[in-house]
Amino acid sequence: MSRHGFFVTGTKAVFVANDAGGCRRFEAEEQTIPARMQMPIRTHQHETIYFVAEGTFEFMVAGATGYVTAGKFVRVLADVPHSYRNADNRPGRLLSRTIPRGSAPEPAQLLIEVSAA
């Protein structure tokens, strides 16, 4: 297992797992996001599950926004526009896991558990 790190807009991400052969059908990574840093809106061809390990993040998924605190998950389906920002005044930590399209049952709806700002 390789733990190659990279930086995106001031964040540090470390791959903690990817599938054999490196074709990246799935991957897991740990991201440290500086205080108040926002990631650009984007879409992926795979599903992504985010786990907030430390801090509070504001997620935007398909135009809906909400605050997600440590210990909570967010699932983003393939091809859905999404973004997030660290809403704290200190670095936050996210764990994420990608899932190839169609490998998990489709939910009836996307739910984000939100907390008061």
Protein backbone atom coordinates (compact mmCIF):
# COMPACT_ATOMS: atom_id res chain seq x y z
CA MET A 1 0.00 0.00 0.00
CA SER A 2 1.32 3.36 -1.00
CA ARG A 3 0.75 6.53 1.03
CA HIS A 4 1.53 9.13 -1.63
CA GLY A 5 0.35 12.59 -0.65
CA PHE A 6 -0.67 15.52 -2.79
CA PHE A 7 -1.94 19.08 -2.32
CA VAL A 8 -5.09 20.66 -3.77
CA THR A 9 -5.85 24.33 -3.05
CA GLY A 10 -3.94 24.28 0.21
CA THR A 11 -5.20 20.90 1.41
CA LYS A 12 -3.16 17.78 1.96
CA ALA A 13 -4.62 14.43 0.88
CA VAL A 14 -3.01 11.05 1.47
CA PHE A 15 -4.18 7.93 -0.33
CA VAL A 16 -4.62 5.26 2.32
CA ALA A 17 -5.87 2.52 -0.03
CA ASN A 18 -6.59 1.85 -3.65
CA ASP A 19 -7.43 -1.29 -5.57
CA ALA A 20 -4.82 -3.74 -6.82
CA GLY A 21 -3.14 -2.66 -10.03
CA GLY A 22 -3.66 1.04 -9.36
CA CYS A 23 -6.54 1.48 -11.81
CA ARG A 24 -8.39 3.38 -9.07
CA ARG A 25 -11.78 1.71 -9.33
CA PHE A 26 -11.93 2.63 -5.66
CA GLU A 27 -9.76 4.59 -3.31
CA ALA A 28 -9.71 5.88 0.21
CA GLU A 29 -8.00 9.05 1.30
CA GLU A 30 -7.48 11.26 4.28
CA GLN A 31 -7.67 15.03 3.75
CA THR A 32 -6.53 17.78 6.07
CA ILE A 33 -8.35 20.99 5.14
CA PRO A 34 -7.08 24.35 6.45
CA ALA A 35 -9.45 26.64 8.37
CA ARG A 36 -12.14 28.24 6.17
CA MET A 37 -10.77 26.56 2.99
CA GLN A 38 -13.39 25.77 0.33
CA MET A 39 -13.09 23.15 -2.39
CA PRO A 40 -14.38 24.00 -5.88
CA ILE A 41 -17.71 22.61 -7.11
CA ARG A 42 -17.14 19.39 -9.02
CA THR A 43 -18.66 16.08 -10.13
CA HIS A 44 -17.20 12.58 -10.33
CA GLN A 45 -18.12 9.44 -12.26
CA HIS A 46 -18.11 7.50 -8.98
CA GLU A 47 -19.92 7.80 -5.67
CA THR A 48 -18.05 9.26 -2.72
CA ILE A 49 -18.70 8.81 0.97
CA TYR A 50 -17.20 11.49 3.22
CA PHE A 51 -16.66 11.02 6.96
CA VAL A 52 -15.95 14.12 9.02
CA ALA A 53 -13.19 12.96 11.38
CA GLU A 54 -12.45 16.36 12.93
CA GLY A 55 -14.15 19.75 12.74
CA THR A 56 -17.30 21.08 11.11
CA PHE A 57 -17.77 21.26 7.36
CA GLU A 58 -20.39 22.93 5.23
CA PHE A 59 -21.34 20.62 2.35
CA MET A 60 -23.15 21.63 -0.84
CA VAL A 61 -24.68 18.66 -2.65
CA ALA A 62 -26.91 19.21 -5.70
CA GLY A 63 -27.56 22.80 -4.57
CA ALA A 64 -28.59 21.92 -0.99
CA THR A 65 -26.27 23.00 1.85
CA GLY A 66 -25.84 21.91 5.43
CA TYR A 67 -23.31 21.71 8.26
CA VAL A 68 -21.82 18.32 9.04
CA THR A 69 -20.00 17.77 12.33
CA ALA A 70 -17.36 15.26 13.42
CA GLY A 71 -18.64 11.69 13.43
CA LYS A 72 -21.15 12.22 10.58
CA PHE A 73 -21.20 10.91 7.00
CA VAL A 74 -22.20 12.43 3.64
CA ARG A 75 -22.85 10.26 0.57
CA VAL A 76 -22.57 11.92 -2.84
CA LEU A 77 -23.89 9.98 -5.84
CA ALA A 78 -22.07 9.85 -9.18
CA ASP A 79 -22.44 12.92 -11.43
CA VAL A 80 -23.91 15.09 -8.63
CA PRO A 81 -22.33 18.56 -8.26
CA HIS A 82 -20.85 18.99 -4.80
CA SER A 83 -18.43 21.06 -2.77
CA TYR A 84 -17.42 21.52 0.86
CA ARG A 85 -15.61 23.96 3.06
CA ASN A 86 -14.06 23.81 6.48
CA ALA A 87 -16.39 25.95 8.60
CA ASP A 88 -14.01 26.01 11.60
CA ASN A 89 -11.17 28.34 12.56
CA ARG A 90 -8.78 25.37 12.80
CA PRO A 91 -7.79 22.61 10.35
CA GLY A 92 -10.38 19.88 9.82
CA ARG A 93 -10.01 16.29 8.68
CA LEU A 94 -12.10 14.31 6.21
CA LEU A 95 -11.89 10.65 5.29
CA SER A 96 -13.35 9.70 1.93
CA ARG A 97 -14.03 6.48 0.08
CA THR A 98 -15.02 6.24 -3.58
CA ILE A 99 -17.41 3.57 -4.84
CA PRO A 100 -17.63 2.61 -8.53
CA ARG A 101 -20.91 3.62 -10.17
CA GLY A 102 -23.57 0.95 -9.77
CA SER A 103 -21.76 -1.10 -7.13
CA ALA A 104 -24.02 0.03 -4.27
CA PRO A 105 -27.83 0.15 -4.15
CA GLU A 106 -29.24 3.50 -5.17
CA PRO A 107 -30.88 5.33 -2.26
CA ALA A 108 -34.37 6.71 -2.64
CA GLN A 109 -33.04 10.14 -1.71
CA LEU A 110 -29.84 11.86 -0.61
CA LEU A 111 -29.88 12.86 3.06
CA ILE A 112 -27.46 15.21 4.79
CA GLU A 113 -27.70 15.38 8.57
CA VAL A 114 -27.29 19.05 9.41
CA SER A 115 -26.63 20.90 12.61
CA ALA A 116 -27.24 24.53 13.54
CA ALA A 117 -24.56 26.93 12.44
